[in-house]
Amino acid sequence: MCLAIPVRVMELRGQDSAIVDLDGVRKEISLALVDGVNVGDYVILHVGYALSRLDPDEARKTLALFAEVDASRRASS
């Protein structure tokens, strides 16, 4: 099973890389597979590569669901 997650682009680095943020964790990723990414955009990230851009509302909904699952998991531990 593969997991791809929405992340927000915080900084562009050259043509094919960017710094993204997910809940305070920042990581450099490749933008080689996606055109037209700008600072502030959300992208779907899988193993260090942005696969596509994502609508900001959909990104926020998905991240909220992940947070809900995490909170539920922590509460049951």
C-alpha atoms as a PDB file:
ATOM      1  CA  MET A   1       0.000   0.000   0.000  1.00  0.00           C
ATOM      2  CA  CYS A   2       1.229   3.488  -0.823  1.00  0.00           C
ATOM      3  CA  LEU A   3       0.467   6.706   0.976  1.00  0.00           C
ATOM      4  CA  ALA A   4       0.572  10.151  -0.563  1.00  0.00           C
ATOM      5  CA  ILE A   5      -0.062  13.193   1.594  1.00  0.00           C
ATOM      6  CA  PRO A   6      -0.911  16.843   0.955  1.00  0.00           C
ATOM      7  CA  VAL A   7       1.843  19.297   1.853  1.00  0.00           C
ATOM      8  CA  ARG A   8       2.145  23.065   1.433  1.00  0.00           C
ATOM      9  CA  VAL A   9       4.952  24.579  -0.621  1.00  0.00           C
ATOM     10  CA  MET A  10       6.874  27.073   1.497  1.00  0.00           C
ATOM     11  CA  GLU A  11       9.854  27.858  -0.732  1.00  0.00           C
ATOM     12  CA  LEU A  12      10.930  27.131  -4.296  1.00  0.00           C
ATOM     13  CA  ARG A  13      14.506  25.977  -4.826  1.00  0.00           C
ATOM     14  CA  GLY A  14      15.592  26.069  -8.428  1.00  0.00           C
ATOM     15  CA  GLN A  15      13.373  24.670 -11.158  1.00  0.00           C
ATOM     16  CA  ASP A  16      12.674  21.225  -9.795  1.00  0.00           C
ATOM     17  CA  SER A  17      12.694  21.361  -6.007  1.00  0.00           C
ATOM     18  CA  ALA A  18      10.890  22.997  -3.129  1.00  0.00           C
ATOM     19  CA  ILE A  19      10.694  23.095   0.633  1.00  0.00           C
ATOM     20  CA  VAL A  20       7.318  21.886   1.892  1.00  0.00           C
ATOM     21  CA  ASP A  21       5.691  21.899   5.311  1.00  0.00           C
ATOM     22  CA  LEU A  22       3.518  19.297   6.987  1.00  0.00           C
ATOM     23  CA  ASP A  23       2.528  20.201  10.530  1.00  0.00           C
ATOM     24  CA  GLY A  24       5.825  21.958  11.213  1.00  0.00           C
ATOM     25  CA  VAL A  25       8.044  19.381   9.535  1.00  0.00           C
ATOM     26  CA  ARG A  26       9.905  20.837   6.564  1.00  0.00           C
ATOM     27  CA  LYS A  27      11.447  18.761   3.820  1.00  0.00           C
ATOM     28  CA  GLU A  28      12.999  19.331   0.420  1.00  0.00           C
ATOM     29  CA  ILE A  29      11.092  17.559  -2.353  1.00  0.00           C
ATOM     30  CA  SER A  30      11.264  17.172  -6.120  1.00  0.00           C
ATOM     31  CA  LEU A  31       8.873  19.067  -8.386  1.00  0.00           C
ATOM     32  CA  ALA A  32      10.137  17.296 -11.528  1.00  0.00           C
ATOM     33  CA  LEU A  33       6.745  15.665 -12.170  1.00  0.00           C
ATOM     34  CA  VAL A  34       4.554  18.768 -11.697  1.00  0.00           C
ATOM     35  CA  ASP A  35       4.521  22.038 -13.633  1.00  0.00           C
ATOM     36  CA  GLY A  36       3.505  25.482 -12.427  1.00  0.00           C
ATOM     37  CA  VAL A  37       3.881  25.032  -8.667  1.00  0.00           C
ATOM     38  CA  ASN A  38       4.036  28.255  -6.651  1.00  0.00           C
ATOM     39  CA  VAL A  39       4.730  29.120  -3.014  1.00  0.00           C
ATOM     40  CA  GLY A  40       1.528  28.528  -1.056  1.00  0.00           C
ATOM     41  CA  ASP A  41       0.273  25.743  -3.321  1.00  0.00           C
ATOM     42  CA  TYR A  42      -0.571  22.325  -1.929  1.00  0.00           C
ATOM     43  CA  VAL A  43       0.855  19.279  -3.658  1.00  0.00           C
ATOM     44  CA  ILE A  44       0.378  15.550  -3.178  1.00  0.00           C
ATOM     45  CA  LEU A  45       3.687  14.119  -1.922  1.00  0.00           C
ATOM     46  CA  HIS A  46       4.829  10.521  -2.328  1.00  0.00           C
ATOM     47  CA  VAL A  47       8.375   9.335  -1.494  1.00  0.00           C
ATOM     48  CA  GLY A  48       9.891  12.767  -2.015  1.00  0.00           C
ATOM     49  CA  TYR A  49       8.111  13.639  -5.273  1.00  0.00           C
ATOM     50  CA  ALA A  50       5.187  15.962  -5.819  1.00  0.00           C
ATOM     51  CA  LEU A  51       2.683  14.041  -7.942  1.00  0.00           C
ATOM     52  CA  SER A  52       0.113  16.780  -8.558  1.00  0.00           C
ATOM     53  CA  ARG A  53      -1.193  20.087  -7.281  1.00  0.00           C
ATOM     54  CA  LEU A  54      -4.206  19.957  -4.963  1.00  0.00           C
ATOM     55  CA  ASP A  55      -7.082  22.330  -4.355  1.00  0.00           C
ATOM     56  CA  PRO A  56      -6.425  24.137  -1.025  1.00  0.00           C
ATOM     57  CA  ASP A  57      -9.871  23.254   0.383  1.00  0.00           C
ATOM     58  CA  GLU A  58      -9.390  19.573  -0.422  1.00  0.00           C
ATOM     59  CA  ALA A  59      -5.907  19.673   1.121  1.00  0.00           C
ATOM     60  CA  ARG A  60      -7.263  21.183   4.346  1.00  0.00           C
ATOM     61  CA  LYS A  61     -10.087  18.611   4.513  1.00  0.00           C
ATOM     62  CA  THR A  62      -7.651  15.736   4.045  1.00  0.00           C
ATOM     63  CA  LEU A  63      -5.218  17.103   6.634  1.00  0.00           C
ATOM     64  CA  ALA A  64      -8.102  17.571   9.097  1.00  0.00           C
ATOM     65  CA  LEU A  65      -9.095  13.917   8.599  1.00  0.00           C
ATOM     66  CA  PHE A  66      -5.511  12.799   9.230  1.00  0.00           C
ATOM     67  CA  ALA A  67      -5.441  14.894  12.418  1.00  0.00           C
ATOM     68  CA  GLU A  68      -8.751  13.356  13.523  1.00  0.00           C
ATOM     69  CA  VAL A  69      -7.451   9.834  12.996  1.00  0.00           C
ATOM     70  CA  ASP A  70      -4.267  10.662  14.887  1.00  0.00           C
ATOM     71  CA  ALA A  71      -6.177  12.177  17.805  1.00  0.00           C
ATOM     72  CA  SER A  72      -8.455   9.124  17.969  1.00  0.00           C
ATOM     73  CA  ARG A  73      -5.462   6.787  17.861  1.00  0.00           C
ATOM     74  CA  ARG A  74      -3.725   8.677  20.670  1.00  0.00           C
ATOM     75  CA  ALA A  75      -6.874   8.707  22.803  1.00  0.00           C
ATOM     76  CA  SER A  76      -7.241   4.944  22.547  1.00  0.00           C
ATOM     77  CA  SER A  77      -3.588   4.263  23.485  1.00  0.00           C
END
